[in-house]
């Protein structure tokens, strides 16, 4: 029987657009716009200048803090500009513009061959850090930070997140089918680095082919269990996944390491395998281009820095003018103001939705129906959090209603008959509390 959790919702998956579309390699565009911020944490500092010739895999922006991840050139060519350009998360950001020379040459020494079974944990962690790996499910938390918990918080379980519960997105699904061995190898490497012998791979039951492929690949590997999860959103949320697979509950305001668990996305696992076995840094990723406005929805392997405009053109453009462009999924993704923004390490999907997909009604007052409370996977009272945020009572939301436990999944908004912008008010409250804490 598939495992599940309290609450959640059942949005239309709409994965039929791309679920059966194999991953294709996208052409390298003439220009790549590579932001120096592609992760949670401090931005990187460019270590190249305009006019420099660079090679694929070369470090072009270096991390200046522990919670940061270096940036590498996605192809070989010439640095033609370092300036602010559109960014899919921050609006705009300093970016390094590389004009491709058409050769796509690797920097000297890459790729290389390494036997991960002969490497110790510290060596593996160093490679992960230097290769610029981040969480590829969308959160973009630097992978090496997750892999280095403090001694006071020993890790005993590793979870590989293959749920991909957001509607439309199928990049992880295709990765599990087409690069199964790489995904499993990346998981084993991560488990070795963490020194754990117990691991779970959680996959929603609407992906029976992926479940079968991973189970076959894990035959004879002790300590790894592939678990079928009920198809329900947000099954792939980190804290939800931990509760479902281990029975442990991350404490309020805590992190997975507080219950001895580390969670990584399947895309991150594949990137770990590439980095540790072949020295290949994170310069490309699989992204789903989908939605009813796209002529030919596809799963494509893009170089980091490819613009959304180029990505859409590789799918034969729009069949009609989209009403909204979203990076990520429709539940937790971010609406975009321009197609000039580039694909970054956390771009799991680009959705182009028509007006018929988006039926927005005006917001009205909360009617106290309790549907958001039933849907909330974290057991919160979203209705009160929205009211407090709307009225500017930010500290009460934090201190009395567990504001920081909200994972911003949007389940509450999905079921709200009053069409309240609940997540918007919650994000506002979090930002105001953070600003107050910084001021103090």
Protein backbone atom coordinates (compact mmCIF):
# COMPACT_ATOMS: atom_id res chain seq x y z
CA UNK A 1 0.00 0.00 0.00
CA UNK A 2 1.34 3.43 -0.96
CA UNK A 3 2.37 5.66 1.94
CA UNK A 4 0.91 9.10 2.45
CA UNK A 5 0.42 11.98 4.88
CA UNK A 6 -2.27 14.09 6.51
CA UNK A 7 -3.81 16.84 4.39
CA UNK A 8 -2.70 17.70 0.89
CA UNK A 9 -4.63 18.19 -2.33
CA UNK A 10 -5.13 16.48 -5.70
CA UNK A 11 -4.55 18.99 -8.50
CA UNK A 12 -4.81 17.85 -12.11
CA UNK A 13 -1.35 16.46 -12.86
CA UNK A 14 -1.28 17.50 -16.53
CA UNK A 15 1.88 15.43 -16.95
CA UNK A 16 0.54 13.91 -20.16
CA UNK A 17 2.17 16.71 -22.15
CA UNK A 18 5.69 15.38 -21.54
CA UNK A 19 5.62 12.18 -19.43
CA UNK A 20 6.37 10.04 -22.49
CA UNK A 21 8.83 12.47 -24.07
CA UNK A 22 12.45 11.25 -23.71
CA UNK A 23 15.10 13.76 -22.70
CA UNK A 24 16.59 15.55 -25.70
CA UNK A 25 19.79 17.60 -25.80
CA UNK A 26 19.06 21.24 -26.56
CA UNK A 27 21.36 23.18 -28.89
CA UNK A 28 23.92 25.48 -27.26
CA UNK A 29 22.77 29.08 -27.82
CA UNK A 30 25.05 31.73 -29.27
CA UNK A 31 25.09 33.55 -25.92
CA UNK A 32 24.74 32.22 -22.39
CA UNK A 33 23.70 34.53 -19.55
CA UNK A 34 25.09 32.97 -16.38
CA UNK A 35 23.98 34.63 -13.10
CA UNK A 36 26.34 34.80 -10.13
CA UNK A 37 23.39 33.91 -7.85
CA UNK A 38 22.00 30.43 -8.46
CA UNK A 39 21.64 29.12 -4.91
CA UNK A 40 20.37 29.94 -1.45
CA UNK A 41 23.10 31.89 0.31
CA UNK A 42 25.72 34.47 -0.60
CA UNK A 43 26.25 35.40 -4.26
CA UNK A 44 29.48 34.46 -6.01
CA UNK A 45 32.14 36.90 -7.19
CA UNK A 46 33.30 36.81 -10.83
CA UNK A 47 36.92 35.73 -11.28
CA UNK A 48 36.94 36.40 -15.02
CA UNK A 49 36.81 39.71 -16.88
CA UNK A 50 35.41 40.94 -20.17
CA UNK A 51 37.54 39.66 -23.03
CA UNK A 52 38.68 36.48 -21.28
CA UNK A 53 38.50 33.21 -23.19
CA UNK A 54 36.96 30.43 -21.09
CA UNK A 55 36.47 26.70 -21.46
CA UNK A 56 33.54 24.49 -20.52
CA UNK A 57 33.71 23.53 -16.84
CA UNK A 58 36.01 26.41 -15.86
CA UNK A 59 35.17 28.28 -12.65
CA UNK A 60 34.03 31.78 -13.60
CA UNK A 61 32.55 32.94 -10.26
CA UNK A 62 33.85 31.81 -6.89
CA UNK A 63 31.91 31.25 -3.68
CA UNK A 64 32.86 33.67 -0.88
CA UNK A 65 30.96 32.03 1.97
CA UNK A 66 30.23 28.53 3.29
CA UNK A 67 26.59 28.70 2.18
CA UNK A 68 27.39 29.34 -1.47
CA UNK A 69 28.33 27.35 -4.54
CA UNK A 70 30.79 28.20 -7.34
CA UNK A 71 29.64 28.91 -10.90
CA UNK A 72 31.22 27.29 -13.96
CA UNK A 73 31.24 28.13 -17.65
CA UNK A 74 28.57 26.17 -19.51
CA UNK A 75 30.52 26.14 -22.79
CA UNK A 76 33.73 27.47 -24.26
CA UNK A 77 33.89 30.98 -25.65
CA UNK A 78 34.54 34.60 -24.82
CA UNK A 79 33.31 36.66 -21.88
CA UNK A 80 31.67 39.59 -23.67
CA UNK A 81 29.94 41.29 -20.75
CA UNK A 82 29.54 41.25 -16.97
CA UNK A 83 26.43 43.22 -16.08
CA UNK A 84 22.98 43.04 -14.53
CA UNK A 85 20.52 40.97 -16.54
CA UNK A 86 17.06 39.50 -15.82
CA UNK A 87 16.98 36.73 -13.21
CA UNK A 88 14.05 34.31 -12.73
CA UNK A 89 14.09 34.62 -8.92
CA UNK A 90 15.66 37.98 -7.99
CA UNK A 91 14.33 40.07 -10.85
CA UNK A 92 17.82 41.04 -11.96
CA UNK A 93 21.30 39.90 -11.05
CA UNK A 94 24.92 40.32 -12.04
CA UNK A 95 25.52 37.88 -14.90
CA UNK A 96 28.51 36.71 -16.89
CA UNK A 97 27.71 36.68 -20.60
CA UNK A 98 29.63 34.10 -22.65
CA UNK A 99 29.58 34.14 -26.42
CA UNK A 100 30.01 30.56 -27.62
CA UNK A 101 32.93 29.79 -29.92
CA UNK A 102 31.07 26.73 -31.26
CA UNK A 103 33.82 24.37 -30.07
CA UNK A 104 32.36 23.42 -26.67
CA UNK A 105 35.84 22.51 -25.40
CA UNK A 106 36.41 21.27 -21.85
CA UNK A 107 38.82 23.05 -19.55
CA UNK A 108 42.10 21.15 -19.23
CA UNK A 109 41.79 18.08 -16.99
CA UNK A 110 38.08 17.48 -17.54
CA UNK A 111 36.40 15.13 -17.75
CA UNK A 112 38.39 12.67 -15.67
CA UNK A 113 37.89 9.17 -14.28
CA UNK A 114 37.61 8.46 -10.56
CA UNK A 115 36.59 5.37 -8.60
CA UNK A 116 34.25 6.69 -5.94
CA UNK A 117 34.50 3.49 -3.89
CA UNK A 118 38.16 4.27 -3.27
CA UNK A 119 37.48 7.84 -2.10
CA UNK A 120 36.90 8.78 1.52
CA UNK A 121 34.02 10.92 2.75
CA UNK A 122 36.00 14.17 2.93
CA UNK A 123 37.25 13.76 -0.65
CA UNK A 124 33.70 13.22 -1.90
CA UNK A 125 32.42 16.29 -0.04
CA UNK A 126 35.23 18.44 -1.45
CA UNK A 127 34.36 17.37 -5.00
CA UNK A 128 30.67 18.12 -4.41
CA UNK A 129 31.54 21.59 -3.09
CA UNK A 130 33.97 22.44 -5.89
CA UNK A 131 31.56 21.18 -8.58
CA UNK A 132 28.91 23.76 -7.73
CA UNK A 133 26.15 21.30 -6.84
CA UNK A 134 22.87 22.58 -5.39
CA UNK A 135 19.43 21.13 -4.76
CA UNK A 136 17.97 20.67 -8.23
CA UNK A 137 14.38 20.18 -7.17
CA UNK A 138 14.08 23.96 -7.08
CA UNK A 139 15.28 24.91 -3.59
CA UNK A 140 18.93 25.34 -4.73
CA UNK A 141 20.41 24.84 -1.26
CA UNK A 142 24.16 24.17 -1.70
CA UNK A 143 24.60 20.39 -1.62
CA UNK A 144 27.91 20.41 0.25
CA UNK A 145 26.26 22.25 3.15
CA UNK A 146 23.60 19.56 3.50
CA UNK A 147 26.34 16.95 3.34
CA UNK A 148 28.26 18.51 6.23
CA UNK A 149 25.99 18.49 9.30
CA UNK A 150 27.55 19.52 12.63
CA UNK A 151 28.92 16.69 14.82
CA UNK A 152 26.09 17.23 17.29
CA UNK A 153 23.55 16.18 14.64
CA UNK A 154 24.61 12.73 13.35
CA UNK A 155 22.83 11.51 10.22
CA UNK A 156 21.43 7.96 10.07
CA UNK A 157 19.11 8.08 7.03
CA UNK A 158 19.36 9.36 3.47
CA UNK A 159 16.23 10.01 1.40
CA UNK A 160 16.17 10.40 -2.36
CA UNK A 161 13.19 12.47 -3.47
CA UNK A 162 11.66 11.14 -6.69
CA UNK A 163 8.10 12.21 -5.92
CA UNK A 164 7.93 15.10 -8.44
CA UNK A 165 4.44 15.95 -7.20
CA UNK A 166 4.11 19.33 -8.95
CA UNK A 167 1.73 19.29 -11.94
CA UNK A 168 3.25 19.41 -15.44
CA UNK A 169 6.83 18.60 -14.38
CA UNK A 170 8.33 15.33 -15.66
CA UNK A 171 12.08 16.05 -15.75
CA UNK A 172 12.79 13.88 -12.69
CA UNK A 173 10.53 11.11 -14.00
CA UNK A 174 12.44 10.92 -17.26
CA UNK A 175 15.77 11.11 -15.44
CA UNK A 176 14.81 8.11 -13.27
CA UNK A 177 13.86 6.14 -16.37
CA UNK A 178 16.74 7.09 -18.63
CA UNK A 179 19.62 7.51 -16.18
CA UNK A 180 18.59 5.01 -13.54
CA UNK A 181 22.06 3.68 -12.77
CA UNK A 182 23.50 7.18 -12.48
CA UNK A 183 20.77 8.20 -10.02
CA UNK A 184 21.39 5.13 -7.84
CA UNK A 185 25.16 5.59 -7.99
CA UNK A 186 24.79 9.21 -6.92
CA UNK A 187 22.69 8.09 -3.99
CA UNK A 188 25.28 5.51 -2.94
CA UNK A 189 28.05 8.11 -3.18
CA UNK A 190 26.05 10.52 -1.00
CA UNK A 191 25.37 7.80 1.55
CA UNK A 192 29.08 7.01 1.71
CA UNK A 193 29.93 10.67 2.22
CA UNK A 194 27.41 10.87 5.07
CA UNK A 195 28.44 7.54 6.57
CA UNK A 196 24.90 6.14 6.56
CA UNK A 197 23.73 2.66 5.65
CA UNK A 198 19.96 3.26 5.44
CA UNK A 199 18.35 4.96 2.47
CA UNK A 200 14.91 5.40 0.93
CA UNK A 201 13.85 6.38 -2.57
CA UNK A 202 10.34 7.85 -2.51
CA UNK A 203 8.39 7.84 -5.80
CA UNK A 204 4.72 8.61 -6.34
CA UNK A 205 2.66 5.65 -7.53
CA UNK A 206 1.64 7.49 -10.71
CA UNK A 207 5.13 6.62 -11.99
CA UNK A 208 5.01 2.79 -11.97
CA UNK A 209 7.72 2.58 -14.64
CA UNK A 210 10.13 4.62 -12.50
CA UNK A 211 9.31 2.51 -9.44
CA UNK A 212 10.05 -0.65 -11.40
CA UNK A 213 13.29 0.75 -12.86
CA UNK A 214 14.66 1.91 -9.50
CA UNK A 215 13.66 -1.33 -7.76
CA UNK A 216 15.48 -3.35 -10.38
CA UNK A 217 18.56 -1.11 -10.15
CA UNK A 218 18.62 -1.47 -6.36
CA UNK A 219 18.41 -5.27 -6.34
CA UNK A 220 21.29 -6.65 -4.31
CA UNK A 221 22.15 -3.26 -2.77
CA UNK A 222 21.65 -3.53 0.97
CA UNK A 223 20.15 -0.69 2.93
CA UNK A 224 18.22 1.01 0.10
CA UNK A 225 14.45 0.66 -0.14
CA UNK A 226 12.30 2.01 -2.99
CA UNK A 227 8.95 3.14 -1.58
CA UNK A 228 5.72 3.86 -3.46
CA UNK A 229 4.03 7.05 -2.29
CA UNK A 230 0.40 7.99 -2.75
CA UNK A 231 -0.11 10.47 -5.58
CA UNK A 232 -0.95 13.59 -3.63
CA UNK A 233 0.46 17.10 -3.44
CA UNK A 234 2.83 18.07 -1.73
CA UNK A 235 4.14 14.51 -1.35
CA UNK A 236 7.62 15.70 -2.32
CA UNK A 237 7.94 18.39 0.35
CA UNK A 238 11.03 17.61 2.41
CA UNK A 239 9.40 17.52 5.86
CA UNK A 240 6.39 15.60 4.54
CA UNK A 241 8.63 13.04 2.89
CA UNK A 242 10.60 12.50 6.09
CA UNK A 243 7.42 11.95 8.10
CA UNK A 244 6.01 9.49 5.54
CA UNK A 245 9.18 7.44 5.09
CA UNK A 246 10.69 7.43 8.57
CA UNK A 247 7.88 8.36 10.94
CA UNK A 248 10.03 11.17 12.35
CA UNK A 249 8.70 14.71 12.54
CA UNK A 250 11.06 17.62 12.01
CA UNK A 251 10.58 19.91 15.04
CA UNK A 252 9.03 23.34 14.65
CA UNK A 253 11.63 25.67 13.19
CA UNK A 254 14.02 22.76 12.73
CA UNK A 255 15.83 21.10 9.85
CA UNK A 256 15.93 17.48 8.60
CA UNK A 257 19.32 17.05 10.28
CA UNK A 258 17.55 17.55 13.62
CA UNK A 259 15.99 14.09 13.12
CA UNK A 260 19.11 12.56 11.57
CA UNK A 261 17.98 12.76 7.94
CA UNK A 262 19.33 14.28 4.71
CA UNK A 263 17.08 14.61 1.65
CA UNK A 264 18.27 15.14 -1.92
CA UNK A 265 16.48 15.33 -5.25
CA UNK A 266 17.08 12.66 -7.91
CA UNK A 267 18.54 15.31 -10.22
CA UNK A 268 21.04 16.22 -7.53
CA UNK A 269 21.97 12.55 -7.14
CA UNK A 270 22.69 12.29 -10.88
CA UNK A 271 24.82 15.44 -10.65
CA UNK A 272 26.73 13.94 -7.70
CA UNK A 273 27.55 10.88 -9.80
CA UNK A 274 28.80 13.04 -12.68
CA UNK A 275 30.90 15.23 -10.40
CA UNK A 276 32.50 12.49 -8.31
CA UNK A 277 33.03 9.90 -11.05
CA UNK A 278 33.94 12.21 -13.93
CA UNK A 279 34.78 15.61 -12.45
CA UNK A 280 31.89 17.22 -14.35
CA UNK A 281 30.60 20.35 -12.59
CA UNK A 282 26.96 21.44 -12.66
CA UNK A 283 26.73 23.20 -16.04
CA UNK A 284 23.51 21.69 -17.41
CA UNK A 285 20.19 20.32 -16.24
CA UNK A 286 17.02 18.64 -17.50
CA UNK A 287 14.08 21.03 -17.66
CA UNK A 288 10.45 20.38 -18.62
CA UNK A 289 9.02 22.92 -21.09
CA UNK A 290 5.26 22.47 -20.96
CA UNK A 291 1.81 24.01 -20.85
CA UNK A 292 -1.05 24.45 -23.28
CA UNK A 293 0.59 27.49 -24.90
CA UNK A 294 3.67 25.49 -26.02
CA UNK A 295 3.59 24.03 -29.54
CA UNK A 296 5.83 21.04 -28.76
CA UNK A 297 6.24 20.40 -25.00
CA UNK A 298 9.47 18.54 -24.26
CA UNK A 299 12.02 17.50 -21.66
CA UNK A 300 15.32 19.07 -22.66
CA UNK A 301 18.87 19.03 -21.33
CA UNK A 302 19.89 22.69 -21.29
CA UNK A 303 23.17 24.44 -20.59
CA UNK A 304 22.91 26.77 -17.60
CA UNK A 305 22.46 30.31 -18.92
CA UNK A 306 20.14 29.44 -21.82
CA UNK A 307 17.38 32.05 -21.91
CA UNK A 308 13.73 31.11 -21.52
CA UNK A 309 13.20 32.59 -24.98
CA UNK A 310 15.71 30.19 -26.53
CA UNK A 311 14.22 27.30 -24.54
CA UNK A 312 10.73 28.01 -25.84
CA UNK A 313 12.02 28.39 -29.40
CA UNK A 314 13.50 24.87 -29.20
CA UNK A 315 9.92 23.72 -28.56
CA UNK A 316 8.67 25.51 -31.71
CA UNK A 317 7.42 28.53 -29.80
CA UNK A 318 3.91 29.40 -28.65
CA UNK A 319 0.66 28.23 -30.23
CA UNK A 320 -0.96 31.31 -28.69
CA UNK A 321 0.22 34.16 -26.53
CA UNK A 322 0.59 32.84 -22.96
CA UNK A 323 -1.29 34.50 -20.13
CA UNK A 324 1.43 33.51 -17.67
CA UNK A 325 4.96 32.12 -17.72
CA UNK A 326 6.06 30.19 -14.63
CA UNK A 327 9.46 28.85 -13.63
CA UNK A 328 8.90 25.57 -11.80
CA UNK A 329 5.48 24.07 -11.17
CA UNK A 330 2.15 25.91 -10.96
CA UNK A 331 1.82 25.37 -7.19
CA UNK A 332 5.17 26.68 -5.94
CA UNK A 333 6.74 28.12 -9.07
CA UNK A 334 7.49 31.78 -9.74
CA UNK A 335 5.67 33.88 -12.34
CA UNK A 336 8.06 35.50 -14.83
CA UNK A 337 7.97 38.99 -16.27
CA UNK A 338 10.30 38.33 -19.19
CA UNK A 339 11.54 35.51 -21.40
CA UNK A 340 15.03 37.03 -21.22
CA UNK A 341 15.62 35.34 -17.85
CA UNK A 342 18.04 32.37 -18.00
CA UNK A 343 17.75 28.76 -16.96
CA UNK A 344 19.61 28.37 -13.67
CA UNK A 345 20.55 25.36 -11.57
CA UNK A 346 17.10 25.22 -9.96
CA UNK A 347 14.99 25.54 -13.12
CA UNK A 348 13.01 22.30 -13.09
CA UNK A 349 10.40 23.57 -15.51
CA UNK A 350 9.18 26.45 -17.67
CA UNK A 351 5.39 26.55 -18.06
CA UNK A 352 3.46 28.64 -20.53
CA UNK A 353 -0.20 28.78 -19.55
CA UNK A 354 -3.13 30.23 -21.49
CA UNK A 355 -6.01 32.28 -20.11
CA UNK A 356 -8.19 29.15 -20.09
CA UNK A 357 -5.71 27.52 -17.67
CA UNK A 358 -5.83 30.46 -15.28
CA UNK A 359 -9.22 31.23 -13.82
CA UNK A 360 -8.46 33.93 -11.30
CA UNK A 361 -11.33 35.26 -9.20
CA UNK A 362 -11.07 38.34 -6.97
CA UNK A 363 -10.05 37.76 -3.37
CA UNK A 364 -12.71 38.11 -0.68
CA UNK A 365 -12.83 37.88 3.10
CA UNK A 366 -12.19 34.58 4.85
CA UNK A 367 -15.46 32.68 5.41
CA UNK A 368 -13.97 30.43 8.13
CA UNK A 369 -14.83 27.23 6.22
CA UNK A 370 -11.74 25.38 7.47
CA UNK A 371 -10.82 23.85 4.10
CA UNK A 372 -7.30 25.27 4.30
CA UNK A 373 -6.83 23.68 7.71
CA UNK A 374 -7.86 20.29 6.33
CA UNK A 375 -5.50 20.65 3.36
CA UNK A 376 -2.44 21.92 5.22
CA UNK A 377 0.18 19.10 5.38
CA UNK A 378 1.95 20.87 8.27
CA UNK A 379 -1.12 21.01 10.52
CA UNK A 380 -1.26 24.82 10.58
CA UNK A 381 -4.17 27.24 10.47
CA UNK A 382 -3.54 29.04 7.16
CA UNK A 383 -6.69 31.15 7.46
CA UNK A 384 -5.36 32.85 10.61
CA UNK A 385 -1.90 33.24 9.11
CA UNK A 386 -3.40 35.04 6.11
CA UNK A 387 -5.54 37.32 8.27
CA UNK A 388 -2.61 38.23 10.52
CA UNK A 389 -0.38 38.87 7.52
CA UNK A 390 -3.02 41.01 5.82
CA UNK A 391 -3.45 43.08 8.98
CA UNK A 392 0.27 43.46 9.65
CA UNK A 393 0.30 41.40 12.88
CA UNK A 394 3.46 39.61 11.86
CA UNK A 395 4.96 38.66 15.22
CA UNK A 396 1.77 37.00 16.44
CA UNK A 397 1.76 34.88 13.30
CA UNK A 398 5.26 33.71 14.15
CA UNK A 399 4.95 33.28 17.90
CA UNK A 400 1.42 31.89 18.22
CA UNK A 401 0.62 30.28 14.87
CA UNK A 402 3.93 28.60 13.85
CA UNK A 403 4.44 30.81 10.80
CA UNK A 404 7.92 29.46 10.08
CA UNK A 405 6.64 25.88 9.77
CA UNK A 406 4.76 26.76 6.58
CA UNK A 407 6.43 25.20 3.53
CA UNK A 408 4.51 27.52 1.16
CA UNK A 409 3.15 24.59 -0.84
CA UNK A 410 -0.03 26.46 -1.84
CA UNK A 411 -2.47 23.68 -0.90
CA UNK A 412 -4.44 26.22 1.14
CA UNK A 413 -4.78 28.60 -1.80
CA UNK A 414 -5.84 25.72 -4.06
CA UNK A 415 -8.85 24.84 -1.89
CA UNK A 416 -9.83 28.32 -0.68
CA UNK A 417 -13.35 29.24 -1.90
CA UNK A 418 -12.66 32.91 -1.06
CA UNK A 419 -9.59 32.81 -3.36
CA UNK A 420 -7.45 34.42 -0.68
CA UNK A 421 -3.77 34.95 -1.45
CA UNK A 422 -2.79 33.02 1.65
CA UNK A 423 0.79 32.19 0.65
CA UNK A 424 1.39 35.81 -0.32
CA UNK A 425 0.43 36.96 3.19
CA UNK A 426 2.55 34.23 4.75
CA UNK A 427 5.60 35.22 2.70
CA UNK A 428 5.02 38.85 3.69
CA UNK A 429 4.89 37.89 7.38
CA UNK A 430 8.07 35.85 7.09
CA UNK A 431 9.89 38.71 5.37
CA UNK A 432 8.75 41.25 7.95
CA UNK A 433 9.80 39.01 10.85
CA UNK A 434 13.19 38.45 9.20
CA UNK A 435 13.62 42.22 8.74
CA UNK A 436 12.75 42.80 12.39
CA UNK A 437 15.21 40.15 13.54
CA UNK A 438 17.95 41.70 11.38
CA UNK A 439 17.21 45.14 12.79
CA UNK A 440 17.48 43.84 16.35
